[in-house]
Amino acid sequence: MLFPVGCAILLLLWLANVSLGSVRIPVQEILGRVVGIPFSKTSWEIIILQYRIPKSFTAILAGICLSLSGLQMQTFFRNPLAGPYVLGISSGAGLGVALWMMAGFLIPATGVAWMLGPWQLFFSAALGAFGVLLLISVAAWKVKDTMTLLIIGLMFGSFTAAIVALLAYFSEAEQLKLYTVWTMGSLGSTGWSQLIVFAVGTLIGITPLVRSIKSYNGMLLGENYAQSMGIRIGRLRWKMIISTGILTGSATAFCGPIGFIGIAVPHVARLVFRTSDHRTLVVASALLGAIALLVCDTISQLPGSAQTLPINVITSFLGAPVVIWLIFKRDFSQEF
């Protein structure tokens, strides 16, 4: 019964997200437009179709990507505080964007003029994410221990953060401000064409996870037990890296770095659905991730106000207390 209830909540939240904003559009008008009745005002057509619907679908896709990335990280590393950023993939995306935005003093052809439009941001973030993913893949080929791979990922993140800090130190004020705004996250920069690419990337990233659900269930009992069941740990490690890289890289490229969704949502899914079976958790985490980010986006819109808060501010404000509460409430040693 939880899945139909969750889907109903998701639909209601989607209607609220599309309806609320600087201009409130009645839900009746939106439902009427679905069945072919035109809006009372022409401007509402533009607001709904060109801005709010793509933004709401972006929130849903980003919530799915981040929550499933966090679920994979926590299961594979058997670490309750592992999230989609522990392998340094999001840091790589941030480095790619930083090179585009703040490397004008190194490469004169790059600068603020190159930054106009979301596609440039997407490609720069995607190249940075996959660059780090390639390095981690080489490390995974050499290193056979998952905890060592986790430490290597954290070091990659620290190294890329140091490069970004160096670029920020030498960059101009305008370039630094652009990068700072990007790091706060935004769901409103995707149009329909970018949304299609985002959806395809999400589907590609989910495929290795869905095909390895039984293997992830075996990993809950440790690598040695998983190997005794015939699970090929090396192949599973590659699938996890590729899936997490594509999901996290896509979400970061289109929306900027968004925190706490990947850490908190899988734990909430375990708490609500009372299971560690990935056949349930994959769908539950995706559903709750979409719900969580829709809630955060609706709050960030400040209904009735022309201002919009950065999405990362809301996710951190709501996610941090949830993670702290889960740490005090649950005995993670029984799950990992």
C-alpha atoms as a PDB file:
ATOM      1  CA  MET A   1       0.000   0.000   0.000  1.00  0.00           C
ATOM      2  CA  LEU A   2       2.942   2.359   0.528  1.00  0.00           C
ATOM      3  CA  PHE A   3       3.777   2.604  -3.167  1.00  0.00           C
ATOM      4  CA  PRO A   4       0.303   3.773  -4.326  1.00  0.00           C
ATOM      5  CA  VAL A   5       0.237   6.265  -1.447  1.00  0.00           C
ATOM      6  CA  GLY A   6       3.699   7.503  -2.399  1.00  0.00           C
ATOM      7  CA  CYS A   7       2.687   7.901  -6.042  1.00  0.00           C
ATOM      8  CA  ALA A   8      -0.420   9.852  -5.002  1.00  0.00           C
ATOM      9  CA  ILE A   9       1.697  12.134  -2.806  1.00  0.00           C
ATOM     10  CA  LEU A  10       4.141  12.638  -5.677  1.00  0.00           C
ATOM     11  CA  LEU A  11       1.304  13.632  -8.021  1.00  0.00           C
ATOM     12  CA  LEU A  12      -0.150  16.097  -5.498  1.00  0.00           C
ATOM     13  CA  LEU A  13       3.269  17.609  -4.853  1.00  0.00           C
ATOM     14  CA  TRP A  14       3.840  17.936  -8.593  1.00  0.00           C
ATOM     15  CA  LEU A  15       0.567  19.841  -8.985  1.00  0.00           C
ATOM     16  CA  ALA A  16       1.492  22.095  -6.053  1.00  0.00           C
ATOM     17  CA  ASN A  17       4.984  22.657  -7.467  1.00  0.00           C
ATOM     18  CA  VAL A  18       3.605  23.647 -10.862  1.00  0.00           C
ATOM     19  CA  SER A  19       0.843  25.791  -9.365  1.00  0.00           C
ATOM     20  CA  LEU A  20       2.842  27.775  -6.793  1.00  0.00           C
ATOM     21  CA  GLY A  21       5.465  30.418  -7.448  1.00  0.00           C
ATOM     22  CA  SER A  22       5.753  34.133  -7.980  1.00  0.00           C
ATOM     23  CA  VAL A  23       2.482  33.845  -9.931  1.00  0.00           C
ATOM     24  CA  ARG A  24      -0.075  31.466  -8.461  1.00  0.00           C
ATOM     25  CA  ILE A  25      -1.918  29.490 -11.118  1.00  0.00           C
ATOM     26  CA  PRO A  26      -5.051  27.630  -9.935  1.00  0.00           C
ATOM     27  CA  VAL A  27      -4.846  23.836 -10.010  1.00  0.00           C
ATOM     28  CA  GLN A  28      -8.213  23.760 -11.788  1.00  0.00           C
ATOM     29  CA  GLU A  29      -6.678  25.677 -14.684  1.00  0.00           C
ATOM     30  CA  ILE A  30      -3.773  23.192 -14.868  1.00  0.00           C
ATOM     31  CA  LEU A  31      -6.082  20.159 -14.813  1.00  0.00           C
ATOM     32  CA  GLY A  32      -8.289  21.815 -17.424  1.00  0.00           C
ATOM     33  CA  ARG A  33      -5.280  22.361 -19.672  1.00  0.00           C
ATOM     34  CA  VAL A  34      -4.462  18.652 -19.405  1.00  0.00           C
ATOM     35  CA  VAL A  35      -7.837  17.789 -20.956  1.00  0.00           C
ATOM     36  CA  GLY A  36      -7.488  20.462 -23.638  1.00  0.00           C
ATOM     37  CA  ILE A  37      -9.113  23.546 -22.087  1.00  0.00           C
ATOM     38  CA  PRO A  38      -6.917  26.611 -22.711  1.00  0.00           C
ATOM     39  CA  PHE A  39      -5.682  28.789 -19.853  1.00  0.00           C
ATOM     40  CA  SER A  40      -7.607  31.928 -18.927  1.00  0.00           C
ATOM     41  CA  LYS A  41      -4.416  33.968 -19.444  1.00  0.00           C
ATOM     42  CA  THR A  42      -1.929  33.525 -22.258  1.00  0.00           C
ATOM     43  CA  SER A  43       1.004  34.219 -19.942  1.00  0.00           C
ATOM     44  CA  TRP A  44       0.111  31.172 -17.839  1.00  0.00           C
ATOM     45  CA  GLU A  45       0.685  28.944 -20.873  1.00  0.00           C
ATOM     46  CA  ILE A  46       4.250  30.190 -21.188  1.00  0.00           C
ATOM     47  CA  ILE A  47       4.956  29.971 -17.450  1.00  0.00           C
ATOM     48  CA  ILE A  48       3.657  26.413 -17.140  1.00  0.00           C
ATOM     49  CA  LEU A  49       4.947  24.828 -20.344  1.00  0.00           C
ATOM     50  CA  GLN A  50       8.275  26.611 -20.737  1.00  0.00           C
ATOM     51  CA  TYR A  51       9.404  26.941 -17.137  1.00  0.00           C
ATOM     52  CA  ARG A  52       7.520  25.159 -14.352  1.00  0.00           C
ATOM     53  CA  ILE A  53       6.889  21.754 -15.936  1.00  0.00           C
ATOM     54  CA  PRO A  54      10.535  21.295 -17.099  1.00  0.00           C
ATOM     55  CA  LYS A  55      11.714  22.449 -13.657  1.00  0.00           C
ATOM     56  CA  SER A  56       9.434  20.018 -11.841  1.00  0.00           C
ATOM     57  CA  PHE A  57      10.549  17.100 -14.026  1.00  0.00           C
ATOM     58  CA  THR A  58      14.166  18.133 -13.437  1.00  0.00           C
ATOM     59  CA  ALA A  59      13.536  17.957  -9.681  1.00  0.00           C
ATOM     60  CA  ILE A  60      12.056  14.473 -10.047  1.00  0.00           C
ATOM     61  CA  LEU A  61      14.957  13.185 -12.158  1.00  0.00           C
ATOM     62  CA  ALA A  62      17.584  14.753  -9.893  1.00  0.00           C
ATOM     63  CA  GLY A  63      15.922  13.253  -6.814  1.00  0.00           C
ATOM     64  CA  ILE A  64      15.943   9.814  -8.457  1.00  0.00           C
ATOM     65  CA  CYS A  65      19.595  10.114  -9.531  1.00  0.00           C
ATOM     66  CA  LEU A  66      20.933  11.300  -6.175  1.00  0.00           C
ATOM     67  CA  SER A  67      18.933   8.893  -4.015  1.00  0.00           C
ATOM     68  CA  LEU A  68      19.878   5.848  -6.102  1.00  0.00           C
ATOM     69  CA  SER A  69      23.519   6.945  -6.112  1.00  0.00           C
ATOM     70  CA  GLY A  70      23.437   7.200  -2.329  1.00  0.00           C
ATOM     71  CA  LEU A  71      21.776   3.785  -2.015  1.00  0.00           C
ATOM     72  CA  GLN A  72      24.530   2.183  -4.092  1.00  0.00           C
ATOM     73  CA  MET A  73      27.299   3.902  -2.159  1.00  0.00           C
ATOM     74  CA  GLN A  74      25.898   2.887   1.227  1.00  0.00           C
ATOM     75  CA  THR A  75      25.366  -0.724   0.203  1.00  0.00           C
ATOM     76  CA  PHE A  76      28.616  -1.294  -1.619  1.00  0.00           C
ATOM     77  CA  PHE A  77      30.858   0.394   0.957  1.00  0.00           C
ATOM     78  CA  ARG A  78      28.642  -0.770   3.858  1.00  0.00           C
ATOM     79  CA  ASN A  79      28.898   2.747   5.241  1.00  0.00           C
ATOM     80  CA  PRO A  80      25.700   4.490   6.423  1.00  0.00           C
ATOM     81  CA  LEU A  81      27.123   7.970   5.757  1.00  0.00           C
ATOM     82  CA  ALA A  82      28.332   7.271   2.230  1.00  0.00           C
ATOM     83  CA  GLY A  83      26.705   9.461  -0.388  1.00  0.00           C
ATOM     84  CA  PRO A  84      26.944  10.118  -4.125  1.00  0.00           C
ATOM     85  CA  TYR A  85      29.887  12.444  -3.604  1.00  0.00           C
ATOM     86  CA  VAL A  86      32.260  10.091  -1.771  1.00  0.00           C
ATOM     87  CA  LEU A  87      34.021   9.007  -4.971  1.00  0.00           C
ATOM     88  CA  GLY A  88      34.812  12.611  -5.873  1.00  0.00           C
ATOM     89  CA  ILE A  89      32.575  12.513  -8.948  1.00  0.00           C
ATOM     90  CA  SER A  90      30.672  15.684  -8.047  1.00  0.00           C
ATOM     91  CA  SER A  91      33.984  17.355  -7.209  1.00  0.00           C
ATOM     92  CA  GLY A  92      35.140  16.476 -10.708  1.00  0.00           C
ATOM     93  CA  ALA A  93      31.996  18.069 -12.130  1.00  0.00           C
ATOM     94  CA  GLY A  94      32.692  21.166 -10.032  1.00  0.00           C
ATOM     95  CA  LEU A  95      36.256  21.250 -11.333  1.00  0.00           C
ATOM     96  CA  GLY A  96      35.016  21.093 -14.920  1.00  0.00           C
ATOM     97  CA  VAL A  97      32.670  24.020 -14.345  1.00  0.00           C
ATOM     98  CA  ALA A  98      35.374  25.940 -12.469  1.00  0.00           C
ATOM     99  CA  LEU A  99      37.786  25.532 -15.383  1.00  0.00           C
ATOM    100  CA  TRP A 100      35.172  26.930 -17.759  1.00  0.00           C
ATOM    101  CA  MET A 101      34.146  29.788 -15.501  1.00  0.00           C
ATOM    102  CA  MET A 102      37.356  30.818 -13.779  1.00  0.00           C
ATOM    103  CA  ALA A 103      40.219  29.777 -16.075  1.00  0.00           C
ATOM    104  CA  GLY A 104      40.035  32.878 -18.247  1.00  0.00           C
ATOM    105  CA  PHE A 105      43.407  34.008 -16.908  1.00  0.00           C
ATOM    106  CA  LEU A 106      44.936  30.742 -18.155  1.00  0.00           C
ATOM    107  CA  ILE A 107      43.023  30.289 -21.405  1.00  0.00           C
ATOM    108  CA  PRO A 108      41.982  33.641 -22.890  1.00  0.00           C
ATOM    109  CA  ALA A 109      39.398  31.995 -25.133  1.00  0.00           C
ATOM    110  CA  THR A 110      37.460  30.853 -22.082  1.00  0.00           C
ATOM    111  CA  GLY A 111      35.618  33.269 -19.885  1.00  0.00           C
ATOM    112  CA  VAL A 112      32.201  34.532 -19.021  1.00  0.00           C
ATOM    113  CA  ALA A 113      31.170  34.672 -22.688  1.00  0.00           C
ATOM    114  CA  TRP A 114      31.581  30.895 -22.939  1.00  0.00           C
ATOM    115  CA  MET A 115      29.319  30.428 -19.977  1.00  0.00           C
ATOM    116  CA  LEU A 116      26.146  31.726 -21.572  1.00  0.00           C
ATOM    117  CA  GLY A 117      23.581  28.954 -21.815  1.00  0.00           C
ATOM    118  CA  PRO A 118      23.060  25.727 -19.866  1.00  0.00           C
ATOM    119  CA  TRP A 119      24.616  23.438 -22.492  1.00  0.00           C
ATOM    120  CA  GLN A 120      28.124  24.779 -21.852  1.00  0.00           C
ATOM    121  CA  LEU A 121      27.689  24.156 -18.144  1.00  0.00           C
ATOM    122  CA  PHE A 122      26.406  20.661 -18.806  1.00  0.00           C
ATOM    123  CA  PHE A 123      29.315  19.622 -21.015  1.00  0.00           C
ATOM    124  CA  SER A 124      31.934  21.131 -18.724  1.00  0.00           C
ATOM    125  CA  ALA A 125      30.449  19.423 -15.651  1.00  0.00           C
ATOM    126  CA  ALA A 126      29.981  16.125 -17.478  1.00  0.00           C
ATOM    127  CA  LEU A 127      33.572  16.113 -18.755  1.00  0.00           C
ATOM    128  CA  GLY A 128      34.890  16.857 -15.268  1.00  0.00           C
ATOM    129  CA  ALA A 129      32.753  14.121 -13.704  1.00  0.00           C
ATOM    130  CA  PHE A 130      33.767  11.511 -16.254  1.00  0.00           C
ATOM    131  CA  GLY A 131      37.409  12.546 -15.996  1.00  0.00           C
ATOM    132  CA  VAL A 132      37.386  11.698 -12.295  1.00  0.00           C
ATOM    133  CA  LEU A 133      35.306   8.593 -13.067  1.00  0.00           C
ATOM    134  CA  LEU A 134      38.020   7.416 -15.462  1.00  0.00           C
ATOM    135  CA  LEU A 135      40.706   7.870 -12.802  1.00  0.00           C
ATOM    136  CA  ILE A 136      38.611   6.010 -10.238  1.00  0.00           C
ATOM    137  CA  SER A 137      38.043   3.218 -12.765  1.00  0.00           C
ATOM    138  CA  VAL A 138      41.802   2.818 -13.113  1.00  0.00           C
ATOM    139  CA  ALA A 139      42.079   2.741  -9.315  1.00  0.00           C
ATOM    140  CA  ALA A 140      39.319   0.130  -9.122  1.00  0.00           C
ATOM    141  CA  TRP A 141      41.258  -2.036 -11.567  1.00  0.00           C
ATOM    142  CA  LYS A 142      44.361  -1.847  -9.363  1.00  0.00           C
ATOM    143  CA  VAL A 143      42.716  -1.863  -5.905  1.00  0.00           C
ATOM    144  CA  LYS A 144      40.662  -4.860  -4.805  1.00  0.00           C
ATOM    145  CA  ASP A 145      39.423  -3.555  -1.443  1.00  0.00           C
ATOM    146  CA  THR A 146      36.261  -1.400  -1.360  1.00  0.00           C
ATOM    147  CA  MET A 147      37.310   0.632   1.690  1.00  0.00           C
ATOM    148  CA  THR A 148      40.609   1.517   0.032  1.00  0.00           C
ATOM    149  CA  LEU A 149      38.660   2.595  -3.040  1.00  0.00           C
ATOM    150  CA  LEU A 150      36.476   4.772  -0.788  1.00  0.00           C
ATOM    151  CA  ILE A 151      39.562   6.493   0.630  1.00  0.00           C
ATOM    152  CA  ILE A 152      40.945   7.027  -2.880  1.00  0.00           C
ATOM    153  CA  GLY A 153      37.649   8.640  -3.900  1.00  0.00           C
ATOM    154  CA  LEU A 154      37.789  11.000  -0.939  1.00  0.00           C
ATOM    155  CA  MET A 155      41.362  11.956  -1.874  1.00  0.00           C
ATOM    156  CA  PHE A 156      40.273  12.666  -5.452  1.00  0.00           C
ATOM    157  CA  GLY A 157      37.587  14.955  -4.039  1.00  0.00           C
ATOM    158  CA  SER A 158      40.116  16.787  -1.863  1.00  0.00           C
ATOM    159  CA  PHE A 159      42.535  17.169  -4.768  1.00  0.00           C
ATOM    160  CA  THR A 160      39.924  18.621  -7.127  1.00  0.00           C
ATOM    161  CA  ALA A 161      38.682  20.932  -4.343  1.00  0.00           C
ATOM    162  CA  ALA A 162      42.224  22.253  -3.959  1.00  0.00           C
ATOM    163  CA  ILE A 163      42.414  23.017  -7.691  1.00  0.00           C
ATOM    164  CA  VAL A 164      39.046  24.810  -7.546  1.00  0.00           C
ATOM    165  CA  ALA A 165      40.233  26.870  -4.567  1.00  0.00           C
ATOM    166  CA  LEU A 166      43.369  27.823  -6.498  1.00  0.00           C
ATOM    167  CA  LEU A 167      41.297  28.894  -9.510  1.00  0.00           C
ATOM    168  CA  ALA A 168      38.988  30.899  -7.242  1.00  0.00           C
ATOM    169  CA  TYR A 169      41.954  32.703  -5.700  1.00  0.00           C
ATOM    170  CA  PHE A 170      43.173  33.990  -9.084  1.00  0.00           C
ATOM    171  CA  SER A 171      39.780  34.525 -10.764  1.00  0.00           C
ATOM    172  CA  GLU A 172      37.935  37.775 -11.346  1.00  0.00           C
ATOM    173  CA  ALA A 173      35.030  38.779  -9.092  1.00  0.00           C
ATOM    174  CA  GLU A 174      32.398  38.214 -11.791  1.00  0.00           C
ATOM    175  CA  GLN A 175      33.687  34.747 -12.632  1.00  0.00           C
ATOM    176  CA  LEU A 176      33.871  33.805  -8.957  1.00  0.00           C
ATOM    177  CA  LYS A 177      30.310  34.970  -8.400  1.00  0.00           C
ATOM    178  CA  LEU A 178      29.041  32.866 -11.330  1.00  0.00           C
ATOM    179  CA  TYR A 179      30.732  29.784  -9.943  1.00  0.00           C
ATOM    180  CA  THR A 180      29.427  30.466  -6.434  1.00  0.00           C
ATOM    181  CA  VAL A 181      25.868  30.740  -7.766  1.00  0.00           C
ATOM    182  CA  TRP A 182      26.316  27.425  -9.620  1.00  0.00           C
ATOM    183  CA  THR A 183      27.482  25.679  -6.441  1.00  0.00           C
ATOM    184  CA  MET A 184      24.229  26.687  -4.719  1.00  0.00           C
ATOM    185  CA  GLY A 185      22.264  24.529  -7.156  1.00  0.00           C
ATOM    186  CA  SER A 186      19.400  25.363  -9.466  1.00  0.00           C
ATOM    187  CA  LEU A 187      16.592  23.345 -11.036  1.00  0.00           C
ATOM    188  CA  GLY A 188      15.331  26.067 -13.350  1.00  0.00           C
ATOM    189  CA  SER A 189      18.047  26.099 -16.006  1.00  0.00           C
ATOM    190  CA  THR A 190      16.850  23.103 -18.039  1.00  0.00           C
ATOM    191  CA  GLY A 191      14.602  23.345 -21.071  1.00  0.00           C
ATOM    192  CA  TRP A 192      12.850  20.532 -22.861  1.00  0.00           C
ATOM    193  CA  SER A 193      15.870  19.559 -24.988  1.00  0.00           C
ATOM    194  CA  GLN A 194      18.171  19.378 -21.950  1.00  0.00           C
ATOM    195  CA  LEU A 195      15.480  17.500 -20.033  1.00  0.00           C
ATOM    196  CA  ILE A 196      15.426  14.771 -22.683  1.00  0.00           C
ATOM    197  CA  VAL A 197      19.198  14.341 -22.376  1.00  0.00           C
ATOM    198  CA  PHE A 198      18.863  14.262 -18.585  1.00  0.00           C
ATOM    199  CA  ALA A 199      16.143  11.577 -18.800  1.00  0.00           C
ATOM    200  CA  VAL A 200      18.248   9.433 -21.143  1.00  0.00           C
ATOM    201  CA  GLY A 201      21.278   9.764 -18.854  1.00  0.00           C
ATOM    202  CA  THR A 202      19.131   8.764 -15.860  1.00  0.00           C
ATOM    203  CA  LEU A 203      17.839   5.690 -17.678  1.00  0.00           C
ATOM    204  CA  ILE A 204      21.352   4.652 -18.698  1.00  0.00           C
ATOM    205  CA  GLY A 205      22.619   5.124 -15.143  1.00  0.00           C
ATOM    206  CA  ILE A 206      19.785   3.087 -13.593  1.00  0.00           C
ATOM    207  CA  THR A 207      20.242   0.112 -15.931  1.00  0.00           C
ATOM    208  CA  PRO A 208      23.390  -1.379 -14.276  1.00  0.00           C
ATOM    209  CA  LEU A 209      21.769  -1.011 -10.843  1.00  0.00           C
ATOM    210  CA  VAL A 210      18.553  -2.781 -11.838  1.00  0.00           C
ATOM    211  CA  ARG A 211      20.504  -5.639 -13.412  1.00  0.00           C
ATOM    212  CA  SER A 212      22.570  -6.120 -10.212  1.00  0.00           C
ATOM    213  CA  ILE A 213      19.865  -6.005  -7.529  1.00  0.00           C
ATOM    214  CA  LYS A 214      20.521  -9.579  -6.342  1.00  0.00           C
ATOM    215  CA  SER A 215      24.250  -8.859  -6.123  1.00  0.00           C
ATOM    216  CA  TYR A 216      23.621  -5.802  -3.956  1.00  0.00           C
ATOM    217  CA  ASN A 217      21.497  -7.915  -1.614  1.00  0.00           C
ATOM    218  CA  GLY A 218      24.429 -10.314  -1.302  1.00  0.00           C
ATOM    219  CA  MET A 219      26.822  -7.452  -0.543  1.00  0.00           C
ATOM    220  CA  LEU A 220      24.884  -6.647   2.636  1.00  0.00           C
ATOM    221  CA  LEU A 221      26.469  -9.729   4.220  1.00  0.00           C
ATOM    222  CA  GLY A 222      30.020  -8.785   3.231  1.00  0.00           C
ATOM    223  CA  GLU A 223      32.346  -9.374   0.303  1.00  0.00           C
ATOM    224  CA  ASN A 224      33.448 -12.839   1.407  1.00  0.00           C
ATOM    225  CA  TYR A 225      29.867 -14.073   1.677  1.00  0.00           C
ATOM    226  CA  ALA A 226      28.997 -12.439  -1.649  1.00  0.00           C
ATOM    227  CA  GLN A 227      31.907 -14.220  -3.340  1.00  0.00           C
ATOM    228  CA  SER A 228      30.805 -17.530  -1.826  1.00  0.00           C
ATOM    229  CA  MET A 229      27.423 -16.949  -3.502  1.00  0.00           C
ATOM    230  CA  GLY A 230      29.139 -16.591  -6.862  1.00  0.00           C
ATOM    231  CA  ILE A 231      28.960 -12.784  -7.054  1.00  0.00           C
ATOM    232  CA  ARG A 232      31.853 -11.353  -9.055  1.00  0.00           C
ATOM    233  CA  ILE A 233      32.964  -8.429  -6.875  1.00  0.00           C
ATOM    234  CA  GLY A 234      35.198  -6.898  -9.537  1.00  0.00           C
ATOM    235  CA  ARG A 235      32.414  -6.732 -12.101  1.00  0.00           C
ATOM    236  CA  LEU A 236      29.980  -5.400  -9.481  1.00  0.00           C
ATOM    237  CA  ARG A 237      32.477  -2.684  -8.531  1.00  0.00           C
ATOM    238  CA  TRP A 238      32.665  -1.544 -12.166  1.00  0.00           C
ATOM    239  CA  LYS A 239      28.877  -1.488 -12.497  1.00  0.00           C
ATOM    240  CA  MET A 240      28.575   0.553  -9.312  1.00  0.00           C
ATOM    241  CA  ILE A 241      31.182   3.085 -10.419  1.00  0.00           C
ATOM    242  CA  ILE A 242      29.643   3.499 -13.880  1.00  0.00           C
ATOM    243  CA  SER A 243      26.068   3.759 -12.557  1.00  0.00           C
ATOM    244  CA  THR A 244      26.950   6.206  -9.792  1.00  0.00           C
ATOM    245  CA  GLY A 245      29.151   8.244 -12.122  1.00  0.00           C
ATOM    246  CA  ILE A 246      26.436   8.663 -14.737  1.00  0.00           C
ATOM    247  CA  LEU A 247      23.659   9.385 -12.218  1.00  0.00           C
ATOM    248  CA  THR A 248      25.656  11.815 -10.074  1.00  0.00           C
ATOM    249  CA  GLY A 249      27.375  13.436 -13.051  1.00  0.00           C
ATOM    250  CA  SER A 250      24.063  14.033 -14.838  1.00  0.00           C
ATOM    251  CA  ALA A 251      22.361  15.510 -11.778  1.00  0.00           C
ATOM    252  CA  THR A 252      25.342  17.715 -10.946  1.00  0.00           C
ATOM    253  CA  ALA A 253      25.773  18.869 -14.528  1.00  0.00           C
ATOM    254  CA  PHE A 254      22.167  20.010 -14.943  1.00  0.00           C
ATOM    255  CA  CYS A 255      21.370  21.127 -11.381  1.00  0.00           C
ATOM    256  CA  GLY A 256      24.683  21.868  -9.684  1.00  0.00           C
ATOM    257  CA  PRO A 257      25.803  20.091  -6.504  1.00  0.00           C
ATOM    258  CA  ILE A 258      22.816  19.190  -4.322  1.00  0.00           C
ATOM    259  CA  GLY A 259      23.598  17.847  -0.871  1.00  0.00           C
ATOM    260  CA  PHE A 260      21.973  15.488   1.644  1.00  0.00           C
ATOM    261  CA  ILE A 261      19.418  13.910  -0.722  1.00  0.00           C
ATOM    262  CA  GLY A 262      21.752  11.010  -1.491  1.00  0.00           C
ATOM    263  CA  ILE A 263      22.603  10.402   2.167  1.00  0.00           C
ATOM    264  CA  ALA A 264      19.219  10.865   3.836  1.00  0.00           C
ATOM    265  CA  VAL A 265      16.700   9.393   1.372  1.00  0.00           C
ATOM    266  CA  PRO A 266      17.954   5.744   1.350  1.00  0.00           C
ATOM    267  CA  HIS A 267      17.811   5.679   5.167  1.00  0.00           C
ATOM    268  CA  VAL A 268      14.293   7.136   5.143  1.00  0.00           C
ATOM    269  CA  ALA A 269      13.307   4.451   2.609  1.00  0.00           C
ATOM    270  CA  ARG A 270      14.647   1.710   4.913  1.00  0.00           C
ATOM    271  CA  LEU A 271      12.788   3.250   7.848  1.00  0.00           C
ATOM    272  CA  VAL A 272       9.456   3.694   6.038  1.00  0.00           C
ATOM    273  CA  PHE A 273       9.405   0.415   4.094  1.00  0.00           C
ATOM    274  CA  ARG A 274      11.107  -1.601   6.878  1.00  0.00           C
ATOM    275  CA  THR A 275      13.305  -3.654   4.567  1.00  0.00           C
ATOM    276  CA  SER A 276      16.851  -3.931   3.255  1.00  0.00           C
ATOM    277  CA  ASP A 277      15.804  -5.818   0.111  1.00  0.00           C
ATOM    278  CA  HIS A 278      17.011  -3.810  -2.870  1.00  0.00           C
ATOM    279  CA  ARG A 279      14.117  -5.034  -4.988  1.00  0.00           C
ATOM    280  CA  THR A 280      12.010  -2.750  -2.785  1.00  0.00           C
ATOM    281  CA  LEU A 281      14.607  -0.144  -1.819  1.00  0.00           C
ATOM    282  CA  VAL A 282      15.508   0.834  -5.390  1.00  0.00           C
ATOM    283  CA  VAL A 283      11.917   1.808  -6.219  1.00  0.00           C
ATOM    284  CA  ALA A 284      11.304   3.257  -2.743  1.00  0.00           C
ATOM    285  CA  SER A 285      14.447   5.405  -2.795  1.00  0.00           C
ATOM    286  CA  ALA A 286      13.660   6.708  -6.278  1.00  0.00           C
ATOM    287  CA  LEU A 287      10.094   7.574  -5.231  1.00  0.00           C
ATOM    288  CA  LEU A 288      11.097   9.246  -1.958  1.00  0.00           C
ATOM    289  CA  GLY A 289      13.993  11.065  -3.652  1.00  0.00           C
ATOM    290  CA  ALA A 290      11.616  12.581  -6.203  1.00  0.00           C
ATOM    291  CA  ILE A 291       9.191  13.556  -3.418  1.00  0.00           C
ATOM    292  CA  ALA A 292      11.948  15.082  -1.268  1.00  0.00           C
ATOM    293  CA  LEU A 293      13.379  17.252  -4.016  1.00  0.00           C
ATOM    294  CA  LEU A 294       9.930  18.380  -5.146  1.00  0.00           C
ATOM    295  CA  VAL A 295       9.210  19.497  -1.570  1.00  0.00           C
ATOM    296  CA  CYS A 296      12.520  21.361  -1.386  1.00  0.00           C
ATOM    297  CA  ASP A 297      11.932  23.009  -4.756  1.00  0.00           C
ATOM    298  CA  THR A 298       8.411  24.105  -3.797  1.00  0.00           C
ATOM    299  CA  ILE A 299       9.766  25.702  -0.621  1.00  0.00           C
ATOM    300  CA  SER A 300      12.642  27.358  -2.483  1.00  0.00           C
ATOM    301  CA  GLN A 301      10.196  29.059  -4.835  1.00  0.00           C
ATOM    302  CA  LEU A 302       8.862  31.159  -1.920  1.00  0.00           C
ATOM    303  CA  PRO A 303       5.240  31.097  -3.169  1.00  0.00           C
ATOM    304  CA  GLY A 304       3.926  34.607  -3.661  1.00  0.00           C
ATOM    305  CA  SER A 305       7.404  36.127  -3.880  1.00  0.00           C
ATOM    306  CA  ALA A 306       9.452  37.019  -6.936  1.00  0.00           C
ATOM    307  CA  GLN A 307      12.595  35.655  -5.281  1.00  0.00           C
ATOM    308  CA  THR A 308      13.842  32.057  -5.403  1.00  0.00           C
ATOM    309  CA  LEU A 309      16.199  30.513  -2.876  1.00  0.00           C
ATOM    310  CA  PRO A 310      19.090  28.264  -4.007  1.00  0.00           C
ATOM    311  CA  ILE A 311      17.983  24.643  -3.849  1.00  0.00           C
ATOM    312  CA  ASN A 312      21.120  23.574  -1.975  1.00  0.00           C
ATOM    313  CA  VAL A 313      20.189  25.892   0.894  1.00  0.00           C
ATOM    314  CA  ILE A 314      16.842  24.136   1.355  1.00  0.00           C
ATOM    315  CA  THR A 315      18.177  20.580   0.996  1.00  0.00           C
ATOM    316  CA  SER A 316      20.923  21.284   3.542  1.00  0.00           C
ATOM    317  CA  PHE A 317      18.524  23.043   5.912  1.00  0.00           C
ATOM    318  CA  LEU A 318      16.077  20.110   5.854  1.00  0.00           C
ATOM    319  CA  GLY A 319      18.515  17.245   5.209  1.00  0.00           C
ATOM    320  CA  ALA A 320      21.061  17.879   7.952  1.00  0.00           C
ATOM    321  CA  PRO A 321      18.545  17.484  10.831  1.00  0.00           C
ATOM    322  CA  VAL A 322      17.175  14.332   9.181  1.00  0.00           C
ATOM    323  CA  VAL A 323      20.643  12.753   9.003  1.00  0.00           C
ATOM    324  CA  ILE A 324      21.382  13.700  12.632  1.00  0.00           C
ATOM    325  CA  TRP A 325      18.028  12.280  13.739  1.00  0.00           C
ATOM    326  CA  LEU A 326      18.658   9.031  11.851  1.00  0.00           C
ATOM    327  CA  ILE A 327      22.095   8.670  13.434  1.00  0.00           C
ATOM    328  CA  PHE A 328      20.592   8.933  16.928  1.00  0.00           C
ATOM    329  CA  LYS A 329      17.542   6.795  16.148  1.00  0.00           C
ATOM    330  CA  ARG A 330      18.870   3.807  14.192  1.00  0.00           C
ATOM    331  CA  ASP A 331      21.490   1.190  14.939  1.00  0.00           C
ATOM    332  CA  PHE A 332      23.313   1.153  11.614  1.00  0.00           C
ATOM    333  CA  SER A 333      25.546  -1.729  12.711  1.00  0.00           C
ATOM    334  CA  GLN A 334      22.574  -4.057  12.202  1.00  0.00           C
ATOM    335  CA  GLU A 335      22.155  -2.926   8.585  1.00  0.00           C
ATOM    336  CA  PHE A 336      25.749  -2.603   7.415  1.00  0.00           C
END
